[in-house]
PDB file of all heavy atoms in Angstrom:
ATOM      1  N   LEU A   1     240.348  27.036 180.402  1.00  0.00           N
ATOM      2  CA  LEU A   1     240.830  25.667 180.476  1.00  0.00           C
ATOM      3  C   LEU A   1     240.170  24.995 181.662  1.00  0.00           C
ATOM      4  O   LEU A   1     240.486  25.315 182.813  1.00  0.00           O
ATOM      5  CB  LEU A   1     242.354  25.608 180.609  1.00  0.00           C
ATOM      6  CG  LEU A   1     242.959  24.210 180.570  1.00  0.00           C
ATOM      7  CD1 LEU A   1     242.787  23.587 179.181  1.00  0.00           C
ATOM      8  CD2 LEU A   1     244.439  24.245 180.948  1.00  0.00           C
ATOM      9  N   GLN A   2     239.233  24.097 181.379  1.00  0.00           N
ATOM     10  CA  GLN A   2     238.593  23.306 182.418  1.00  0.00           C
ATOM     11  C   GLN A   2     239.430  22.059 182.650  1.00  0.00           C
ATOM     12  O   GLN A   2     239.627  21.265 181.730  1.00  0.00           O
ATOM     13  CB  GLN A   2     237.170  22.925 182.008  1.00  0.00           C
ATOM     14  CG  GLN A   2     236.430  22.074 183.029  1.00  0.00           C
ATOM     15  CD  GLN A   2     236.161  22.807 184.313  1.00  0.00           C
ATOM     16  OE1 GLN A   2     235.713  23.950 184.294  1.00  0.00           O
ATOM     17  NE2 GLN A   2     236.441  22.163 185.442  1.00  0.00           N
ATOM     18  N   MET A   3     239.913  21.891 183.866  1.00  0.00           N
ATOM     19  CA  MET A   3     240.791  20.786 184.211  1.00  0.00           C
ATOM     20  C   MET A   3     240.085  19.891 185.217  1.00  0.00           C
ATOM     21  O   MET A   3     239.810  20.308 186.343  1.00  0.00           O
ATOM     22  CB  MET A   3     242.115  21.300 184.781  1.00  0.00           C
ATOM     23  CG  MET A   3     242.844  22.267 183.861  1.00  0.00           C
ATOM     24  SD  MET A   3     244.474  22.751 184.491  1.00  0.00           S
ATOM     25  CE  MET A   3     243.973  23.709 185.928  1.00  0.00           C
ATOM     26  N   ASN A   4     239.800  18.663 184.806  1.00  0.00           N
ATOM     27  CA  ASN A   4     239.143  17.683 185.652  1.00  0.00           C
ATOM     28  C   ASN A   4     240.073  16.504 185.910  1.00  0.00           C
ATOM     29  O   ASN A   4     241.050  16.297 185.192  1.00  0.00           O
ATOM     30  CB  ASN A   4     237.847  17.188 185.002  1.00  0.00           C
ATOM     31  CG  ASN A   4     236.827  18.283 184.789  1.00  0.00           C
ATOM     32  OD1 ASN A   4     236.712  19.208 185.593  1.00  0.00           O
ATOM     33  ND2 ASN A   4     236.053  18.172 183.712  1.00  0.00           N
ATOM     34  N   SER A   5     239.736  15.722 186.919  1.00  0.00           N
ATOM     35  CA  SER A   5     240.520  14.531 187.270  1.00  0.00           C
ATOM     36  C   SER A   5     241.999  14.848 187.370  1.00  0.00           C
ATOM     37  O   SER A   5     242.854  14.150 186.819  1.00  0.00           O
ATOM     38  CB  SER A   5     240.271  13.419 186.243  1.00  0.00           C
ATOM     39  OG  SER A   5     238.907  13.074 186.177  1.00  0.00           O
ATOM     40  N   LEU A   6     242.309  15.901 188.086  1.00  0.00           N
ATOM     41  CA  LEU A   6     243.689  16.374 188.161  1.00  0.00           C
ATOM     42  C   LEU A   6     244.586  15.364 188.864  1.00  0.00           C
ATOM     43  O   LEU A   6     244.178  14.691 189.813  1.00  0.00           O
ATOM     44  CB  LEU A   6     243.745  17.715 188.872  1.00  0.00           C
ATOM     45  CG  LEU A   6     243.301  18.903 188.004  1.00  0.00           C
ATOM     46  CD1 LEU A   6     242.957  20.100 188.867  1.00  0.00           C
ATOM     47  CD2 LEU A   6     244.403  19.256 187.006  1.00  0.00           C
ATOM     48  N   LYS A   7     245.819  15.289 188.381  1.00  0.00           N
ATOM     49  CA  LYS A   7     246.828  14.394 188.904  1.00  0.00           C
ATOM     50  C   LYS A   7     248.013  15.198 189.419  1.00  0.00           C
ATOM     51  O   LYS A   7     248.239  16.324 188.973  1.00  0.00           O
ATOM     52  CB  LYS A   7     247.310  13.433 187.805  1.00  0.00           C
ATOM     53  CG  LYS A   7     246.211  12.631 187.135  1.00  0.00           C
ATOM     54  CD  LYS A   7     246.772  11.826 185.977  1.00  0.00           C
ATOM     55  CE  LYS A   7     245.691  11.033 185.281  1.00  0.00           C
ATOM     56  NZ  LYS A   7     246.230  10.253 184.126  1.00  0.00           N
ATOM     57  N   PRO A   8     248.799  14.622 190.335  1.00  0.00           N
ATOM     58  CA  PRO A   8     249.993  15.344 190.803  1.00  0.00           C
ATOM     59  C   PRO A   8     250.926  15.764 189.678  1.00  0.00           C
ATOM     60  O   PRO A   8     251.557  16.825 189.776  1.00  0.00           O
ATOM     61  CB  PRO A   8     250.664  14.328 191.734  1.00  0.00           C
ATOM     62  CG  PRO A   8     249.534  13.515 192.264  1.00  0.00           C
ATOM     63  CD  PRO A   8     248.577  13.382 191.106  1.00  0.00           C
ATOM     64  N   GLU A   9     251.010  14.975 188.619  1.00  0.00           N
ATOM     65  CA  GLU A   9     251.884  15.321 187.510  1.00  0.00           C
ATOM     66  C   GLU A   9     251.382  16.509 186.695  1.00  0.00           C
ATOM     67  O   GLU A   9     252.088  16.990 185.805  1.00  0.00           O
ATOM     68  CB  GLU A   9     252.112  14.114 186.589  1.00  0.00           C
ATOM     69  CG  GLU A   9     250.842  13.400 186.182  1.00  0.00           C
ATOM     70  CD  GLU A   9     250.557  12.187 187.048  1.00  0.00           C
ATOM     71  OE1 GLU A   9     250.657  12.299 188.283  1.00  0.00           O
ATOM     72  OE2 GLU A   9     250.249  11.117 186.483  1.00  0.00           O
ATOM     73  N   ASP A  10     250.172  16.986 186.978  1.00  0.00           N
ATOM     74  CA  ASP A  10     249.683  18.203 186.348  1.00  0.00           C
ATOM     75  C   ASP A  10     250.228  19.457 187.026  1.00  0.00           C
ATOM     76  O   ASP A  10     250.009  20.569 186.533  1.00  0.00           O
ATOM     77  CB  ASP A  10     248.156  18.254 186.369  1.00  0.00           C
ATOM     78  CG  ASP A  10     247.519  17.157 185.534  1.00  0.00           C
ATOM     79  OD1 ASP A  10     248.007  16.898 184.415  1.00  0.00           O
ATOM     80  OD2 ASP A  10     246.520  16.573 186.000  1.00  0.00           O
ATOM     81  N   THR A  11     250.910  19.294 188.146  1.00  0.00           N
ATOM     82  CA  THR A  11     251.458  20.432 188.872  1.00  0.00           C
ATOM     83  C   THR A  11     252.470  21.176 188.009  1.00  0.00           C
ATOM     84  O   THR A  11     253.431  20.587 187.519  1.00  0.00           O
ATOM     85  CB  THR A  11     252.111  19.971 190.172  1.00  0.00           C
ATOM     86  OG1 THR A  11     251.123  19.403 191.031  1.00  0.00           O
ATOM     87  CG2 THR A  11     252.768  21.141 190.891  1.00  0.00           C
ATOM     88  N   ALA A  12     252.253  22.467 187.820  1.00  0.00           N
ATOM     89  CA  ALA A  12     253.113  23.279 186.974  1.00  0.00           C
ATOM     90  C   ALA A  12     252.636  24.722 187.026  1.00  0.00           C
ATOM     91  O   ALA A  12     251.568  25.018 187.572  1.00  0.00           O
ATOM     92  CB  ALA A  12     253.094  22.786 185.526  1.00  0.00           C
ATOM     93  N   VAL A  13     253.434  25.605 186.445  1.00  0.00           N
ATOM     94  CA  VAL A  13     252.973  26.953 186.169  1.00  0.00           C
ATOM     95  C   VAL A  13     252.321  26.930 184.796  1.00  0.00           C
ATOM     96  O   VAL A  13     252.926  26.478 183.819  1.00  0.00           O
ATOM     97  CB  VAL A  13     254.124  27.974 186.197  1.00  0.00           C
ATOM     98  CG1 VAL A  13     253.616  29.365 185.825  1.00  0.00           C
ATOM     99  CG2 VAL A  13     254.774  27.995 187.575  1.00  0.00           C
ATOM    100  N   TYR A  14     251.101  27.413 184.720  1.00  0.00           N
ATOM    101  CA  TYR A  14     250.343  27.419 183.477  1.00  0.00           C
ATOM    102  C   TYR A  14     250.349  28.821 182.884  1.00  0.00           C
ATOM    103  O   TYR A  14     250.049  29.800 183.568  1.00  0.00           O
ATOM    104  CB  TYR A  14     248.909  26.950 183.723  1.00  0.00           C
ATOM    105  CG  TYR A  14     248.797  25.463 183.909  1.00  0.00           C
ATOM    106  CD1 TYR A  14     249.309  24.853 185.055  1.00  0.00           C
ATOM    107  CD2 TYR A  14     248.201  24.654 182.946  1.00  0.00           C
ATOM    108  CE1 TYR A  14     249.235  23.481 185.227  1.00  0.00           C
ATOM    109  CE2 TYR A  14     248.113  23.287 183.110  1.00  0.00           C
ATOM    110  CZ  TYR A  14     248.635  22.701 184.248  1.00  0.00           C
ATOM    111  OH  TYR A  14     248.551  21.339 184.415  1.00  0.00           O
ATOM    112  N   TYR A  15     250.692  28.906 181.599  1.00  0.00           N
ATOM    113  CA  TYR A  15     250.811  30.174 180.902  1.00  0.00           C
ATOM    114  C   TYR A  15     249.782  30.272 179.787  1.00  0.00           C
ATOM    115  O   TYR A  15     249.650  29.363 178.973  1.00  0.00           O
ATOM    116  CB  TYR A  15     252.205  30.327 180.285  1.00  0.00           C
ATOM    117  CG  TYR A  15     253.331  30.382 181.288  1.00  0.00           C
ATOM    118  CD1 TYR A  15     253.977  29.227 181.693  1.00  0.00           C
ATOM    119  CD2 TYR A  15     253.749  31.597 181.816  1.00  0.00           C
ATOM    120  CE1 TYR A  15     255.016  29.268 182.604  1.00  0.00           C
ATOM    121  CE2 TYR A  15     254.787  31.656 182.729  1.00  0.00           C
ATOM    122  CZ  TYR A  15     255.416  30.486 183.119  1.00  0.00           C
ATOM    123  OH  TYR A  15     256.450  30.539 184.024  1.00  0.00           O
ATOM    124  N   CYS A  16     249.092  31.382 179.748  1.00  0.00           N
ATOM    125  CA  CYS A  16     248.181  31.674 178.659  1.00  0.00           C
ATOM    126  C   CYS A  16     248.961  32.231 177.473  1.00  0.00           C
ATOM    127  O   CYS A  16     249.926  32.976 177.644  1.00  0.00           O
ATOM    128  CB  CYS A  16     247.133  32.680 179.124  1.00  0.00           C
ATOM    129  SG  CYS A  16     245.965  33.207 177.852  1.00  0.00           S
ATOM    130  N   ASN A  17     248.527  31.881 176.278  1.00  0.00           N
ATOM    131  CA  ASN A  17     249.170  32.323 175.046  1.00  0.00           C
ATOM    132  C   ASN A  17     248.125  32.843 174.076  1.00  0.00           C
ATOM    133  O   ASN A  17     247.012  32.320 173.993  1.00  0.00           O
ATOM    134  CB  ASN A  17     249.956  31.161 174.424  1.00  0.00           C
ATOM    135  CG  ASN A  17     249.977  31.192 172.907  1.00  0.00           C
ATOM    136  OD1 ASN A  17     249.263  30.428 172.253  1.00  0.00           O
ATOM    137  ND2 ASN A  17     250.792  32.083 172.352  1.00  0.00           N
ATOM    138  N   ALA A  18     248.489  33.879 173.329  1.00  0.00           N
ATOM    139  CA  ALA A  18     247.650  34.382 172.253  1.00  0.00           C
ATOM    140  C   ALA A  18     248.519  34.721 171.055  1.00  0.00           C
ATOM    141  O   ALA A  18     249.557  35.367 171.197  1.00  0.00           O
ATOM    142  CB  ALA A  18     246.869  35.617 172.696  1.00  0.00           C
ATOM    143  N   ASP A  19     248.096  34.269 169.881  1.00  0.00           N
ATOM    144  CA  ASP A  19     248.751  34.609 168.623  1.00  0.00           C
ATOM    145  C   ASP A  19     247.859  35.593 167.889  1.00  0.00           C
ATOM    146  O   ASP A  19     246.732  35.252 167.522  1.00  0.00           O
ATOM    147  CB  ASP A  19     248.985  33.368 167.772  1.00  0.00           C
ATOM    148  CG  ASP A  19     250.006  32.437 168.368  1.00  0.00           C
ATOM    149  OD1 ASP A  19     250.771  32.870 169.250  1.00  0.00           O
ATOM    150  OD2 ASP A  19     250.058  31.256 167.949  1.00  0.00           O
ATOM    151  N   THR A  20     248.366  36.804 167.672  1.00  0.00           N
ATOM    152  CA  THR A  20     247.554  37.881 167.119  1.00  0.00           C
ATOM    153  C   THR A  20     248.266  38.592 165.989  1.00  0.00           C
ATOM    154  O   THR A  20     249.477  38.523 165.839  1.00  0.00           O
ATOM    155  CB  THR A  20     247.198  38.919 168.201  1.00  0.00           C
ATOM    156  OG1 THR A  20     248.398  39.530 168.698  1.00  0.00           O
ATOM    157  CG2 THR A  20     246.449  38.268 169.355  1.00  0.00           C
ATOM    158  N   ARG A  21     247.482  39.297 165.187  1.00  0.00           N
ATOM    159  CA  ARG A  21     247.971  40.211 164.165  1.00  0.00           C
ATOM    160  C   ARG A  21     247.210  41.520 164.303  1.00  0.00           C
ATOM    161  O   ARG A  21     246.007  41.522 164.569  1.00  0.00           O
ATOM    162  CB  ARG A  21     247.778  39.635 162.769  1.00  0.00           C
ATOM    163  CG  ARG A  21     248.553  38.351 162.495  1.00  0.00           C
ATOM    164  CD  ARG A  21     248.075  37.690 161.209  1.00  0.00           C
ATOM    165  NE  ARG A  21     248.301  38.540 160.045  1.00  0.00           N
ATOM    166  CZ  ARG A  21     247.776  38.312 158.843  1.00  0.00           C
ATOM    167  NH1 ARG A  21     246.986  37.266 158.655  1.00  0.00           N
ATOM    168  NH2 ARG A  21     248.039  39.133 157.838  1.00  0.00           N
ATOM    169  N   ARG A  22     247.915  42.632 164.114  1.00  0.00           N
ATOM    170  CA  ARG A  22     247.275  43.939 164.194  1.00  0.00           C
ATOM    171  C   ARG A  22     246.984  44.536 162.825  1.00  0.00           C
ATOM    172  O   ARG A  22     246.578  45.706 162.742  1.00  0.00           O
ATOM    173  CB  ARG A  22     248.100  44.905 165.041  1.00  0.00           C
ATOM    174  CG  ARG A  22     249.485  45.236 164.515  1.00  0.00           C
ATOM    175  CD  ARG A  22     250.200  46.157 165.491  1.00  0.00           C
ATOM    176  NE  ARG A  22     251.500  46.579 164.998  1.00  0.00           N
ATOM    177  CZ  ARG A  22     251.713  47.649 164.255  1.00  0.00           C
ATOM    178  NH1 ARG A  22     250.689  48.420 163.907  1.00  0.00           N
ATOM    179  NH2 ARG A  22     252.937  47.960 163.868  1.00  0.00           N
ATOM    180  N   GLY A  23     247.175  43.768 161.781  1.00  0.00           N
ATOM    181  CA  GLY A  23     246.861  44.195 160.435  1.00  0.00           C
ATOM    182  C   GLY A  23     247.054  43.045 159.475  1.00  0.00           C
ATOM    183  O   GLY A  23     247.716  42.055 159.792  1.00  0.00           O
ATOM    184  N   TRP A  24     246.483  43.180 158.269  1.00  0.00           N
ATOM    185  CA  TRP A  24     246.583  42.099 157.288  1.00  0.00           C
ATOM    186  C   TRP A  24     248.012  41.807 156.877  1.00  0.00           C
ATOM    187  O   TRP A  24     248.347  40.670 156.542  1.00  0.00           O
ATOM    188  CB  TRP A  24     245.756  42.440 156.058  1.00  0.00           C
ATOM    189  CG  TRP A  24     244.287  42.378 156.285  1.00  0.00           C
ATOM    190  CD1 TRP A  24     243.402  43.406 156.269  1.00  0.00           C
ATOM    191  CD2 TRP A  24     243.513  41.204 156.562  1.00  0.00           C
ATOM    192  NE1 TRP A  24     242.140  42.966 156.521  1.00  0.00           N
ATOM    193  CE2 TRP A  24     242.171  41.611 156.701  1.00  0.00           C
ATOM    194  CE3 TRP A  24     243.834  39.853 156.707  1.00  0.00           C
ATOM    195  CZ2 TRP A  24     241.149  40.709 156.975  1.00  0.00           C
ATOM    196  CZ3 TRP A  24     242.812  38.958 156.992  1.00  0.00           C
ATOM    197  CH2 TRP A  24     241.493  39.390 157.116  1.00  0.00           C
ATOM    198  N   TYR A  25     248.865  42.808 156.901  1.00  0.00           N
ATOM    199  CA  TYR A  25     250.255  42.637 156.484  1.00  0.00           C
ATOM    200  C   TYR A  25     251.224  42.623 157.654  1.00  0.00           C
ATOM    201  O   TYR A  25     252.437  42.666 157.453  1.00  0.00           O
ATOM    202  CB  TYR A  25     250.640  43.728 155.490  1.00  0.00           C
ATOM    203  CG  TYR A  25     249.802  43.703 154.239  1.00  0.00           C
ATOM    204  CD1 TYR A  25     248.714  44.548 154.085  1.00  0.00           C
ATOM    205  CD2 TYR A  25     250.094  42.811 153.212  1.00  0.00           C
ATOM    206  CE1 TYR A  25     247.934  44.507 152.944  1.00  0.00           C
ATOM    207  CE2 TYR A  25     249.321  42.765 152.070  1.00  0.00           C
ATOM    208  CZ  TYR A  25     248.238  43.611 151.939  1.00  0.00           C
ATOM    209  OH  TYR A  25     247.470  43.562 150.807  1.00  0.00           O
ATOM    210  N   ALA A  26     250.705  42.567 158.845  1.00  0.00           N
ATOM    211  CA  ALA A  26     251.547  42.529 160.030  1.00  0.00           C
ATOM    212  C   ALA A  26     251.963  41.105 160.348  1.00  0.00           C
ATOM    213  O   ALA A  26     251.249  40.145 160.053  1.00  0.00           O
ATOM    214  CB  ALA A  26     250.810  43.138 161.218  1.00  0.00           C
ATOM    215  N   ASP A  27     253.112  40.983 160.965  1.00  0.00           N
ATOM    216  CA  ASP A  27     253.566  39.678 161.433  1.00  0.00           C
ATOM    217  C   ASP A  27     252.724  39.222 162.619  1.00  0.00           C
ATOM    218  O   ASP A  27     252.123  40.025 163.333  1.00  0.00           O
ATOM    219  CB  ASP A  27     255.034  39.733 161.851  1.00  0.00           C
ATOM    220  CG  ASP A  27     255.981  39.967 160.694  1.00  0.00           C
ATOM    221  OD1 ASP A  27     255.615  39.624 159.551  1.00  0.00           O
ATOM    222  OD2 ASP A  27     257.085  40.484 160.925  1.00  0.00           O
ATOM    223  N   THR A  28     252.712  37.927 162.824  1.00  0.00           N
ATOM    224  CA  THR A  28     252.025  37.362 163.971  1.00  0.00           C
ATOM    225  C   THR A  28     252.820  37.640 165.243  1.00  0.00           C
ATOM    226  O   THR A  28     254.033  37.451 165.275  1.00  0.00           O
ATOM    227  CB  THR A  28     251.827  35.850 163.807  1.00  0.00           C
ATOM    228  OG1 THR A  28     251.005  35.605 162.663  1.00  0.00           O
ATOM    229  CG2 THR A  28     251.159  35.252 165.035  1.00  0.00           C
ATOM    230  N   LEU A  29     252.131  38.112 166.251  1.00  0.00           N
ATOM    231  CA  LEU A  29     252.727  38.385 167.545  1.00  0.00           C
ATOM    232  C   LEU A  29     252.280  37.326 168.534  1.00  0.00           C
ATOM    233  O   LEU A  29     251.085  37.090 168.699  1.00  0.00           O
ATOM    234  CB  LEU A  29     252.317  39.772 168.039  1.00  0.00           C
ATOM    235  CG  LEU A  29     252.751  40.157 169.461  1.00  0.00           C
ATOM    236  CD1 LEU A  29     254.270  40.262 169.541  1.00  0.00           C
ATOM    237  CD2 LEU A  29     252.093  41.464 169.878  1.00  0.00           C
ATOM    238  N   ARG A  30     253.235  36.696 169.184  1.00  0.00           N
ATOM    239  CA  ARG A  30     252.925  35.719 170.221  1.00  0.00           C
ATOM    240  C   ARG A  30     253.074  36.383 171.581  1.00  0.00           C
ATOM    241  O   ARG A  30     254.160  36.861 171.932  1.00  0.00           O
ATOM    242  CB  ARG A  30     253.832  34.497 170.113  1.00  0.00           C
ATOM    243  CG  ARG A  30     253.721  33.535 171.291  1.00  0.00           C
ATOM    244  CD  ARG A  30     254.159  32.132 170.945  1.00  0.00           C
ATOM    245  NE  ARG A  30     253.158  31.448 170.132  1.00  0.00           N
ATOM    246  CZ  ARG A  30     253.178  30.155 169.847  1.00  0.00           C
ATOM    247  NH1 ARG A  30     254.170  29.394 170.305  1.00  0.00           N
ATOM    248  NH2 ARG A  30     252.230  29.617 169.093  1.00  0.00           N
ATOM    249  N   SER A  31     251.986  36.414 172.324  1.00  0.00           N
ATOM    250  CA  SER A  31     251.960  37.053 173.637  1.00  0.00           C
ATOM    251  C   SER A  31     251.746  36.008 174.716  1.00  0.00           C
ATOM    252  O   SER A  31     251.139  34.958 174.480  1.00  0.00           O
ATOM    253  CB  SER A  31     250.846  38.110 173.701  1.00  0.00           C
ATOM    254  OG  SER A  31     251.012  39.094 172.697  1.00  0.00           O
ATOM    255  N   TRP A  32     252.230  36.324 175.903  1.00  0.00           N
ATOM    256  CA  TRP A  32     252.161  35.407 177.034  1.00  0.00           C
ATOM    257  C   TRP A  32     251.627  36.096 178.271  1.00  0.00           C
ATOM    258  O   TRP A  32     251.899  37.270 178.522  1.00  0.00           O
ATOM    259  CB  TRP A  32     253.550  34.844 177.356  1.00  0.00           C
ATOM    260  CG  TRP A  32     254.140  34.023 176.264  1.00  0.00           C
ATOM    261  CD1 TRP A  32     254.975  34.443 175.274  1.00  0.00           C
ATOM    262  CD2 TRP A  32     253.936  32.631 176.056  1.00  0.00           C
ATOM    263  NE1 TRP A  32     255.310  33.397 174.454  1.00  0.00           N
ATOM    264  CE2 TRP A  32     254.685  32.267 174.909  1.00  0.00           C
ATOM    265  CE3 TRP A  32     253.206  31.648 176.722  1.00  0.00           C
ATOM    266  CZ2 TRP A  32     254.712  30.966 174.421  1.00  0.00           C
ATOM    267  CZ3 TRP A  32     253.229  30.357 176.231  1.00  0.00           C
ATOM    268  CH2 TRP A  32     253.980  30.029 175.099  1.00  0.00           C
ATOM    269  N   GLY A  33     250.874  35.339 179.050  1.00  0.00           N
ATOM    270  CA  GLY A  33     250.478  35.805 180.359  1.00  0.00           C
ATOM    271  C   GLY A  33     251.602  35.633 181.356  1.00  0.00           C
ATOM    272  O   GLY A  33     252.672  35.102 181.048  1.00  0.00           O
ATOM    273  N   GLN A  34     251.353  36.070 182.577  1.00  0.00           N
ATOM    274  CA  GLN A  34     252.394  36.029 183.600  1.00  0.00           C
ATOM    275  C   GLN A  34     252.575  34.647 184.208  1.00  0.00           C
ATOM    276  O   GLN A  34     253.583  34.388 184.868  1.00  0.00           O
ATOM    277  CB  GLN A  34     252.063  37.042 184.707  1.00  0.00           C
ATOM    278  CG  GLN A  34     251.016  36.583 185.721  1.00  0.00           C
ATOM    279  CD  GLN A  34     249.598  36.594 185.182  1.00  0.00           C
ATOM    280  OE1 GLN A  34     249.336  37.071 184.079  1.00  0.00           O
ATOM    281  NE2 GLN A  34     248.670  36.068 185.977  1.00  0.00           N
ATOM    282  N   GLY A  35     251.625  33.763 183.999  1.00  0.00           N
ATOM    283  CA  GLY A  35     251.658  32.427 184.558  1.00  0.00           C
ATOM    284  C   GLY A  35     250.880  32.338 185.854  1.00  0.00           C
ATOM    285  O   GLY A  35     250.867  33.269 186.651  1.00  0.00           O
ATOM    286  N   THR A  36     250.236  31.199 186.062  1.00  0.00           N
ATOM    287  CA  THR A  36     249.510  30.945 187.297  1.00  0.00           C
ATOM    288  C   THR A  36     249.841  29.541 187.783  1.00  0.00           C
ATOM    289  O   THR A  36     249.877  28.592 187.007  1.00  0.00           O
ATOM    290  CB  THR A  36     247.989  31.133 187.102  1.00  0.00           C
ATOM    291  OG1 THR A  36     247.310  30.961 188.350  1.00  0.00           O
ATOM    292  CG2 THR A  36     247.421  30.152 186.086  1.00  0.00           C
ATOM    293  N   GLN A  37     250.099  29.414 189.072  1.00  0.00           N
ATOM    294  CA  GLN A  37     250.526  28.148 189.652  1.00  0.00           C
ATOM    295  C   GLN A  37     249.346  27.223 189.877  1.00  0.00           C
ATOM    296  O   GLN A  37     248.335  27.618 190.469  1.00  0.00           O
ATOM    297  CB  GLN A  37     251.258  28.387 190.976  1.00  0.00           C
ATOM    298  CG  GLN A  37     251.691  27.107 191.695  1.00  0.00           C
ATOM    299  CD  GLN A  37     252.818  26.400 190.983  1.00  0.00           C
ATOM    300  OE1 GLN A  37     253.808  27.028 190.602  1.00  0.00           O
ATOM    301  NE2 GLN A  37     252.677  25.093 190.787  1.00  0.00           N
ATOM    302  N   VAL A  38     249.482  25.994 189.410  1.00  0.00           N
ATOM    303  CA  VAL A  38     248.529  24.931 189.695  1.00  0.00           C
ATOM    304  C   VAL A  38     249.277  23.838 190.448  1.00  0.00           C
ATOM    305  O   VAL A  38     250.263  23.298 189.947  1.00  0.00           O
ATOM    306  CB  VAL A  38     247.896  24.367 188.414  1.00  0.00           C
ATOM    307  CG1 VAL A  38     247.065  23.125 188.722  1.00  0.00           C
ATOM    308  CG2 VAL A  38     247.046  25.423 187.730  1.00  0.00           C
ATOM    309  N   THR A  39     248.810  23.526 191.643  1.00  0.00           N
ATOM    310  CA  THR A  39     249.426  22.502 192.462  1.00  0.00           C
ATOM    311  C   THR A  39     248.394  21.445 192.803  1.00  0.00           C
ATOM    312  O   THR A  39     247.338  21.763 193.358  1.00  0.00           O
ATOM    313  CB  THR A  39     250.014  23.095 193.747  1.00  0.00           C
ATOM    314  OG1 THR A  39     250.973  24.105 193.424  1.00  0.00           O
ATOM    315  CG2 THR A  39     250.688  22.011 194.576  1.00  0.00           C
ATOM    316  N   VAL A  40     248.699  20.196 192.478  1.00  0.00           N
ATOM    317  CA  VAL A  40     247.814  19.070 192.751  1.00  0.00           C
ATOM    318  C   VAL A  40     248.512  18.194 193.784  1.00  0.00           C
ATOM    319  O   VAL A  40     249.521  17.547 193.484  1.00  0.00           O
ATOM    320  CB  VAL A  40     247.497  18.269 191.485  1.00  0.00           C
ATOM    321  CG1 VAL A  40     246.490  17.167 191.796  1.00  0.00           C
ATOM    322  CG2 VAL A  40     246.965  19.186 190.391  1.00  0.00           C
ATOM    323  N   SER A  41     247.971  18.181 194.981  1.00  0.00           N
ATOM    324  CA  SER A  41     248.616  17.463 196.077  1.00  0.00           C
ATOM    325  C   SER A  41     247.603  17.134 197.153  1.00  0.00           C
ATOM    326  O   SER A  41     246.660  17.885 197.396  1.00  0.00           O
ATOM    327  CB  SER A  41     249.748  18.305 196.674  1.00  0.00           C
ATOM    328  OG  SER A  41     250.336  17.658 197.793  1.00  0.00           O
TER     329      SER A  41
END
């Protein structure tokens, strides 16, 4: 995620997400990262 022209209102914890399947008949698994802090000030 390339973030340009950042504003104070962009300040937040940003979480990565991935939607995956481990087989053709498997359900979709939604996974999350631990989060990373972005502070614009």
